[in-house]
Amino acid sequence: LALSVCHHTKATCFWVSLADITSKLIGESEKLLNMLFELAREEAPSIIIIDEMDSLGRTRTGNESETERRIKTEFLKQMDKIRTIDERKRWGIRAKKNTGTK
């Protein structure tokens, strides 16, 4: 469905898993996330589809890892930048969570 939307809107589609942007090296995850959003801005209109977003989108409890906190902070910073983009070059983000099959 997401690829169909990208095709019909002629938007550039970026499909990433949270595992693709997670690194144990300090600052590397934020750098990768920043690069993804920067590339999406350059290729606008574009759509970023993030698989496994549910693992990042959990409520902050204080029990999450330092890496998870840093990625959440960078993600929110990048989301704030969307408002500054020219409306003709807007792009979107869609998050996909895993749903268990029974």
C-alpha atoms as a PDB file:
ATOM      1  CA  LEU A   1       0.000   0.000   0.000  1.00  0.00           C
ATOM      2  CA  ALA A   2       2.768   2.437   0.932  1.00  0.00           C
ATOM      3  CA  LEU A   3       4.672   1.788  -2.284  1.00  0.00           C
ATOM      4  CA  SER A   4       1.493   2.371  -4.246  1.00  0.00           C
ATOM      5  CA  VAL A   5       1.051   5.764  -2.574  1.00  0.00           C
ATOM      6  CA  CYS A   6       4.648   6.674  -3.420  1.00  0.00           C
ATOM      7  CA  HIS A   7       4.141   5.628  -7.024  1.00  0.00           C
ATOM      8  CA  HIS A   8       0.861   7.485  -7.532  1.00  0.00           C
ATOM      9  CA  THR A   9       2.093  10.667  -5.868  1.00  0.00           C
ATOM     10  CA  LYS A  10       5.419  10.469  -7.725  1.00  0.00           C
ATOM     11  CA  ALA A  11       7.167  10.871  -4.392  1.00  0.00           C
ATOM     12  CA  THR A  12      10.540   9.403  -3.562  1.00  0.00           C
ATOM     13  CA  CYS A  13      10.019   6.572  -1.103  1.00  0.00           C
ATOM     14  CA  PHE A  14      12.452   5.781   1.709  1.00  0.00           C
ATOM     15  CA  TRP A  15      11.664   2.490   3.457  1.00  0.00           C
ATOM     16  CA  VAL A  16      13.824   1.894   6.525  1.00  0.00           C
ATOM     17  CA  SER A  17      13.739  -0.343   9.536  1.00  0.00           C
ATOM     18  CA  LEU A  18      14.638   1.023  12.927  1.00  0.00           C
ATOM     19  CA  ALA A  19      17.449  -1.535  12.905  1.00  0.00           C
ATOM     20  CA  ASP A  20      18.910   0.245   9.839  1.00  0.00           C
ATOM     21  CA  ILE A  21      19.475   3.436  11.813  1.00  0.00           C
ATOM     22  CA  THR A  22      20.401   1.975  15.179  1.00  0.00           C
ATOM     23  CA  SER A  23      24.068   1.850  16.102  1.00  0.00           C
ATOM     24  CA  LYS A  24      25.925   1.115  19.315  1.00  0.00           C
ATOM     25  CA  LEU A  25      28.432   3.853  18.517  1.00  0.00           C
ATOM     26  CA  ILE A  26      27.583   7.063  20.361  1.00  0.00           C
ATOM     27  CA  GLY A  27      26.127   9.641  18.006  1.00  0.00           C
ATOM     28  CA  GLU A  28      26.020   7.327  14.974  1.00  0.00           C
ATOM     29  CA  SER A  29      22.256   6.629  15.179  1.00  0.00           C
ATOM     30  CA  GLU A  30      21.464  10.325  15.315  1.00  0.00           C
ATOM     31  CA  LYS A  31      23.792  10.955  12.386  1.00  0.00           C
ATOM     32  CA  LEU A  32      22.101   8.258  10.294  1.00  0.00           C
ATOM     33  CA  LEU A  33      18.633   9.562  11.157  1.00  0.00           C
ATOM     34  CA  ASN A  34      19.700  13.100  10.300  1.00  0.00           C
ATOM     35  CA  MET A  35      21.123  11.909   6.960  1.00  0.00           C
ATOM     36  CA  LEU A  36      17.863  10.110   6.154  1.00  0.00           C
ATOM     37  CA  PHE A  37      15.771  13.219   6.790  1.00  0.00           C
ATOM     38  CA  GLU A  38      18.234  15.437   4.911  1.00  0.00           C
ATOM     39  CA  LEU A  39      18.097  13.133   1.891  1.00  0.00           C
ATOM     40  CA  ALA A  40      14.287  13.125   2.058  1.00  0.00           C
ATOM     41  CA  ARG A  41      14.306  16.939   2.057  1.00  0.00           C
ATOM     42  CA  GLU A  42      16.661  17.009  -0.939  1.00  0.00           C
ATOM     43  CA  GLU A  43      14.525  14.502  -2.871  1.00  0.00           C
ATOM     44  CA  ALA A  44      11.194  16.119  -1.929  1.00  0.00           C
ATOM     45  CA  PRO A  45       8.435  15.354  -2.416  1.00  0.00           C
ATOM     46  CA  SER A  46       9.241  12.212  -0.531  1.00  0.00           C
ATOM     47  CA  ILE A  47       7.804   9.800   1.982  1.00  0.00           C
ATOM     48  CA  ILE A  48       9.745   8.094   4.756  1.00  0.00           C
ATOM     49  CA  ILE A  49       8.324   4.779   5.907  1.00  0.00           C
ATOM     50  CA  ILE A  50       9.805   3.548   9.174  1.00  0.00           C
ATOM     51  CA  ASP A  51       9.252  -0.112   9.957  1.00  0.00           C
ATOM     52  CA  GLU A  52       9.221  -1.257  13.592  1.00  0.00           C
ATOM     53  CA  MET A  53       8.373   2.263  14.764  1.00  0.00           C
ATOM     54  CA  ASP A  54       6.470   0.849  17.723  1.00  0.00           C
ATOM     55  CA  SER A  55       9.761  -0.021  19.409  1.00  0.00           C
ATOM     56  CA  LEU A  56      10.821   3.635  19.263  1.00  0.00           C
ATOM     57  CA  GLY A  57       7.419   5.158  19.932  1.00  0.00           C
ATOM     58  CA  ARG A  58       6.944   3.765  23.401  1.00  0.00           C
ATOM     59  CA  THR A  59       6.268   6.105  26.298  1.00  0.00           C
ATOM     60  CA  ARG A  60       9.388   7.359  28.012  1.00  0.00           C
ATOM     61  CA  THR A  61       9.688   5.553  31.318  1.00  0.00           C
ATOM     62  CA  GLY A  62      13.286   6.148  32.273  1.00  0.00           C
ATOM     63  CA  ASN A  63      14.036   2.472  31.618  1.00  0.00           C
ATOM     64  CA  GLU A  64      14.978   2.925  27.958  1.00  0.00           C
ATOM     65  CA  SER A  65      18.578   2.828  26.829  1.00  0.00           C
ATOM     66  CA  GLU A  66      20.653   5.932  26.178  1.00  0.00           C
ATOM     67  CA  THR A  67      20.654   5.087  22.463  1.00  0.00           C
ATOM     68  CA  GLU A  68      16.861   4.905  22.414  1.00  0.00           C
ATOM     69  CA  ARG A  69      16.582   8.280  24.174  1.00  0.00           C
ATOM     70  CA  ARG A  70      18.996   9.896  21.722  1.00  0.00           C
ATOM     71  CA  ILE A  71      17.162   8.469  18.682  1.00  0.00           C
ATOM     72  CA  LYS A  72      13.798   9.693  20.021  1.00  0.00           C
ATOM     73  CA  THR A  73      15.216  13.164  20.583  1.00  0.00           C
ATOM     74  CA  GLU A  74      16.723  13.326  17.091  1.00  0.00           C
ATOM     75  CA  PHE A  75      13.506  12.024  15.523  1.00  0.00           C
ATOM     76  CA  LEU A  76      11.481  14.742  17.256  1.00  0.00           C
ATOM     77  CA  LYS A  77      14.001  17.406  16.182  1.00  0.00           C
ATOM     78  CA  GLN A  78      13.684  16.260  12.579  1.00  0.00           C
ATOM     79  CA  MET A  79       9.881  16.267  12.804  1.00  0.00           C
ATOM     80  CA  ASP A  80       9.999  19.895  13.967  1.00  0.00           C
ATOM     81  CA  LYS A  81      11.933  20.837  10.822  1.00  0.00           C
ATOM     82  CA  ILE A  82       9.078  19.657   8.585  1.00  0.00           C
ATOM     83  CA  ARG A  83       7.120  22.835   9.315  1.00  0.00           C
ATOM     84  CA  THR A  84       9.855  24.946   7.705  1.00  0.00           C
ATOM     85  CA  ILE A  85       9.675  23.190   4.326  1.00  0.00           C
ATOM     86  CA  ASP A  86       8.068  24.915   1.353  1.00  0.00           C
ATOM     87  CA  GLU A  87       4.585  23.434   0.911  1.00  0.00           C
ATOM     88  CA  ARG A  88       5.305  22.443  -2.720  1.00  0.00           C
ATOM     89  CA  LYS A  89       8.178  20.297  -1.511  1.00  0.00           C
ATOM     90  CA  ARG A  90       6.426  18.736   1.447  1.00  0.00           C
ATOM     91  CA  TRP A  91       7.157  15.198   2.352  1.00  0.00           C
ATOM     92  CA  GLY A  92       5.645  12.790   4.796  1.00  0.00           C
ATOM     93  CA  ILE A  93       6.515  10.184   7.319  1.00  0.00           C
ATOM     94  CA  ARG A  94       4.592   7.009   7.867  1.00  0.00           C
ATOM     95  CA  ALA A  95       5.363   4.640  10.672  1.00  0.00           C
ATOM     96  CA  LYS A  96       4.637   0.952  10.541  1.00  0.00           C
ATOM     97  CA  LYS A  97       4.470  -1.273  13.544  1.00  0.00           C
ATOM     98  CA  ASN A  98       4.715  -4.992  13.655  1.00  0.00           C
ATOM     99  CA  THR A  99       1.480  -6.747  14.392  1.00  0.00           C
ATOM    100  CA  GLY A 100       1.728 -10.329  15.426  1.00  0.00           C
ATOM    101  CA  THR A 101      -0.069 -12.885  13.341  1.00  0.00           C
ATOM    102  CA  LYS A 102      -2.129 -15.491  15.111  1.00  0.00           C
END
